[in-house]
Amino acid sequence: MRTWLTVITMATSLVAAPTWGACFGSPNMYTCSDNSGNSYNVNRFGNTTTVNGYNAQTGSNWNQTSQHYGNTTYTQGQAANGNSWNSTTQSYGNGYSSTYGTDSRGQSFSRQCGPYGCY
């Protein structure tokens, strides 16, 4: 679920205006696109999910791969600017989690989330 939320967040941040989207394929392999021409492909195999995206406005591509082990998800990717990033999310149950990593500018980050939001 957390991987899907990451995908949705990344896909919707590609455009400035609200858009509609459509997805086609199977639960483990599908393609989504919106009315602005943005698209992404999702492939799931076992505990690994790979997403490859395209931003029609800039002509750039991005990708990410997530691996889920128990209550931990490791994600690494390449942003549209070509820089790499990574994150690790640990889920504790009841809506609690912590995420830390390095963004595509090389800056480290961390956040804690609970059932009422993140800080």
C-alpha atoms as a PDB file:
ATOM      1  CA  MET A   1       0.000   0.000   0.000  1.00  0.00           C
ATOM      2  CA  ARG A   2       2.772   2.423   0.911  1.00  0.00           C
ATOM      3  CA  THR A   3       4.427   1.798  -2.474  1.00  0.00           C
ATOM      4  CA  TRP A   4       1.159   2.567  -4.243  1.00  0.00           C
ATOM      5  CA  LEU A   5       0.845   5.831  -2.290  1.00  0.00           C
ATOM      6  CA  THR A   6       4.367   6.782  -3.356  1.00  0.00           C
ATOM      7  CA  VAL A   7       3.483   6.064  -6.969  1.00  0.00           C
ATOM      8  CA  ILE A   8       0.306   8.124  -6.746  1.00  0.00           C
ATOM      9  CA  THR A   9       2.160  11.009  -5.098  1.00  0.00           C
ATOM     10  CA  MET A  10       4.869  11.033  -7.750  1.00  0.00           C
ATOM     11  CA  ALA A  11       2.422  10.691 -10.636  1.00  0.00           C
ATOM     12  CA  THR A  12       0.130  13.470  -9.454  1.00  0.00           C
ATOM     13  CA  SER A  13       3.027  15.823  -8.743  1.00  0.00           C
ATOM     14  CA  LEU A  14       4.005  15.745 -12.416  1.00  0.00           C
ATOM     15  CA  VAL A  15       1.315  18.200 -13.458  1.00  0.00           C
ATOM     16  CA  ALA A  16       0.218  21.577 -12.146  1.00  0.00           C
ATOM     17  CA  ALA A  17      -3.463  21.355 -13.064  1.00  0.00           C
ATOM     18  CA  PRO A  18      -5.931  18.662 -12.018  1.00  0.00           C
ATOM     19  CA  THR A  19      -6.136  15.856 -14.541  1.00  0.00           C
ATOM     20  CA  TRP A  20      -7.952  12.592 -15.003  1.00  0.00           C
ATOM     21  CA  GLY A  21      -6.118   9.316 -15.325  1.00  0.00           C
ATOM     22  CA  ALA A  22      -6.753   5.876 -16.675  1.00  0.00           C
ATOM     23  CA  CYS A  23      -4.946   2.605 -15.997  1.00  0.00           C
ATOM     24  CA  PHE A  24      -4.944  -0.570 -18.072  1.00  0.00           C
ATOM     25  CA  GLY A  25      -3.475  -4.008 -17.500  1.00  0.00           C
ATOM     26  CA  SER A  26      -3.351  -6.634 -14.803  1.00  0.00           C
ATOM     27  CA  PRO A  27      -2.899  -6.113 -11.047  1.00  0.00           C
ATOM     28  CA  ASN A  28       0.808  -6.982 -11.400  1.00  0.00           C
ATOM     29  CA  MET A  29       1.600  -5.148 -14.638  1.00  0.00           C
ATOM     30  CA  TYR A  30      -0.216  -2.025 -15.746  1.00  0.00           C
ATOM     31  CA  THR A  31       0.159   1.345 -17.464  1.00  0.00           C
ATOM     32  CA  CYS A  32      -1.460   4.595 -16.386  1.00  0.00           C
ATOM     33  CA  SER A  33      -1.740   7.906 -18.236  1.00  0.00           C
ATOM     34  CA  ASP A  34      -3.517  11.220 -17.812  1.00  0.00           C
ATOM     35  CA  ASN A  35      -4.990  13.816 -20.152  1.00  0.00           C
ATOM     36  CA  SER A  36      -1.738  15.835 -20.057  1.00  0.00           C
ATOM     37  CA  GLY A  37       0.223  12.974 -21.615  1.00  0.00           C
ATOM     38  CA  ASN A  38       2.038  11.891 -18.444  1.00  0.00           C
ATOM     39  CA  SER A  39       2.332   8.143 -17.980  1.00  0.00           C
ATOM     40  CA  TYR A  40       3.877   5.459 -15.825  1.00  0.00           C
ATOM     41  CA  ASN A  41       4.272   1.696 -15.964  1.00  0.00           C
ATOM     42  CA  VAL A  42       4.074  -0.507 -12.871  1.00  0.00           C
ATOM     43  CA  ASN A  43       5.503  -4.030 -12.655  1.00  0.00           C
ATOM     44  CA  ARG A  44       5.150  -6.172  -9.532  1.00  0.00           C
ATOM     45  CA  PHE A  45       6.987  -9.427  -8.985  1.00  0.00           C
ATOM     46  CA  GLY A  46       7.099 -10.962  -5.526  1.00  0.00           C
ATOM     47  CA  ASN A  47       8.204  -8.342  -3.008  1.00  0.00           C
ATOM     48  CA  THR A  48       9.541  -5.963  -5.710  1.00  0.00           C
ATOM     49  CA  THR A  49       7.641  -3.150  -7.441  1.00  0.00           C
ATOM     50  CA  THR A  50       9.216  -1.157 -10.286  1.00  0.00           C
ATOM     51  CA  VAL A  51       7.706   2.064 -11.645  1.00  0.00           C
ATOM     52  CA  ASN A  52       8.890   3.903 -14.774  1.00  0.00           C
ATOM     53  CA  GLY A  53       7.335   7.299 -15.442  1.00  0.00           C
ATOM     54  CA  TYR A  54       7.277   9.918 -18.177  1.00  0.00           C
ATOM     55  CA  ASN A  55       6.530  13.642 -17.764  1.00  0.00           C
ATOM     56  CA  ALA A  56       5.061  14.919 -21.041  1.00  0.00           C
ATOM     57  CA  GLN A  57       5.536  18.596 -20.137  1.00  0.00           C
ATOM     58  CA  THR A  58       9.314  18.278 -19.723  1.00  0.00           C
ATOM     59  CA  GLY A  59       9.957  15.145 -21.781  1.00  0.00           C
ATOM     60  CA  SER A  60      11.784  13.632 -18.817  1.00  0.00           C
ATOM     61  CA  ASN A  61      11.669  10.133 -17.377  1.00  0.00           C
ATOM     62  CA  TRP A  62      11.890   8.903 -13.781  1.00  0.00           C
ATOM     63  CA  ASN A  63      11.917   5.507 -12.131  1.00  0.00           C
ATOM     64  CA  GLN A  64      11.823   3.804  -8.767  1.00  0.00           C
ATOM     65  CA  THR A  65      12.133   0.281  -7.406  1.00  0.00           C
ATOM     66  CA  SER A  66      10.737  -0.747  -4.030  1.00  0.00           C
ATOM     67  CA  GLN A  67      11.408  -3.949  -2.135  1.00  0.00           C
ATOM     68  CA  HIS A  68       9.254  -4.956   0.811  1.00  0.00           C
ATOM     69  CA  TYR A  69      10.565  -7.215   3.587  1.00  0.00           C
ATOM     70  CA  GLY A  70       8.324  -7.731   6.604  1.00  0.00           C
ATOM     71  CA  ASN A  71       7.423  -4.266   7.908  1.00  0.00           C
ATOM     72  CA  THR A  72      10.239  -2.470   6.036  1.00  0.00           C
ATOM     73  CA  THR A  73      10.191  -1.027   2.503  1.00  0.00           C
ATOM     74  CA  TYR A  74      13.399   0.002   0.727  1.00  0.00           C
ATOM     75  CA  THR A  75      12.952   2.317  -2.259  1.00  0.00           C
ATOM     76  CA  GLN A  76      15.536   3.703  -4.637  1.00  0.00           C
ATOM     77  CA  GLY A  77      15.041   5.669  -7.792  1.00  0.00           C
ATOM     78  CA  GLN A  78      16.237   8.144 -10.331  1.00  0.00           C
ATOM     79  CA  ALA A  79      14.509  11.518 -10.464  1.00  0.00           C
ATOM     80  CA  ALA A  80      13.664  13.329 -13.700  1.00  0.00           C
ATOM     81  CA  ASN A  81      16.841  15.410 -13.253  1.00  0.00           C
ATOM     82  CA  GLY A  82      18.928  12.219 -13.477  1.00  0.00           C
ATOM     83  CA  ASN A  83      19.942  12.201  -9.821  1.00  0.00           C
ATOM     84  CA  SER A  84      19.453   9.173  -7.590  1.00  0.00           C
ATOM     85  CA  TRP A  85      17.498   9.053  -4.335  1.00  0.00           C
ATOM     86  CA  ASN A  86      16.568   6.435  -1.747  1.00  0.00           C
ATOM     87  CA  SER A  87      14.328   5.918   1.250  1.00  0.00           C
ATOM     88  CA  THR A  88      13.612   3.336   3.913  1.00  0.00           C
ATOM     89  CA  THR A  89      10.189   3.121   5.566  1.00  0.00           C
ATOM     90  CA  GLN A  90       9.596   1.165   8.749  1.00  0.00           C
ATOM     91  CA  SER A  91       5.946   0.476   9.670  1.00  0.00           C
ATOM     92  CA  TYR A  92       5.097  -0.052  13.328  1.00  0.00           C
ATOM     93  CA  GLY A  93       1.344  -0.719  13.046  1.00  0.00           C
ATOM     94  CA  ASN A  94      -1.760   1.306  13.901  1.00  0.00           C
ATOM     95  CA  GLY A  95      -0.786   3.970  11.346  1.00  0.00           C
ATOM     96  CA  TYR A  96       2.689   4.631  12.785  1.00  0.00           C
ATOM     97  CA  SER A  97       5.772   4.671  10.557  1.00  0.00           C
ATOM     98  CA  SER A  98       9.123   6.354  10.078  1.00  0.00           C
ATOM     99  CA  THR A  99      10.835   7.161   6.784  1.00  0.00           C
ATOM    100  CA  TYR A 100      14.378   8.324   6.163  1.00  0.00           C
ATOM    101  CA  GLY A 101      16.652   8.608   3.148  1.00  0.00           C
ATOM    102  CA  THR A 102      18.442  10.903   0.723  1.00  0.00           C
ATOM    103  CA  ASP A 103      16.625  13.039  -1.852  1.00  0.00           C
ATOM    104  CA  SER A 104      17.733  13.673  -5.459  1.00  0.00           C
ATOM    105  CA  ARG A 105      19.694  16.749  -4.330  1.00  0.00           C
ATOM    106  CA  GLY A 106      21.771  14.667  -1.926  1.00  0.00           C
ATOM    107  CA  GLN A 107      19.996  15.998   1.179  1.00  0.00           C
ATOM    108  CA  SER A 108      19.074  13.582   3.932  1.00  0.00           C
ATOM    109  CA  PHE A 109      15.514  13.591   5.262  1.00  0.00           C
ATOM    110  CA  SER A 110      13.374  11.834   7.832  1.00  0.00           C
ATOM    111  CA  ARG A 111       9.770  11.971   8.964  1.00  0.00           C
ATOM    112  CA  GLN A 112       7.594  10.256  11.501  1.00  0.00           C
ATOM    113  CA  CYS A 113       3.950   9.513  10.786  1.00  0.00           C
ATOM    114  CA  GLY A 114       1.048   8.547  12.998  1.00  0.00           C
ATOM    115  CA  PRO A 115      -2.674   8.069  12.518  1.00  0.00           C
ATOM    116  CA  TYR A 116      -3.216  11.861  12.542  1.00  0.00           C
ATOM    117  CA  GLY A 117      -0.458  12.934  10.161  1.00  0.00           C
ATOM    118  CA  CYS A 118       3.281  13.281   9.705  1.00  0.00           C
ATOM    119  CA  TYR A 119       5.864  15.574  11.222  1.00  0.00           C
END
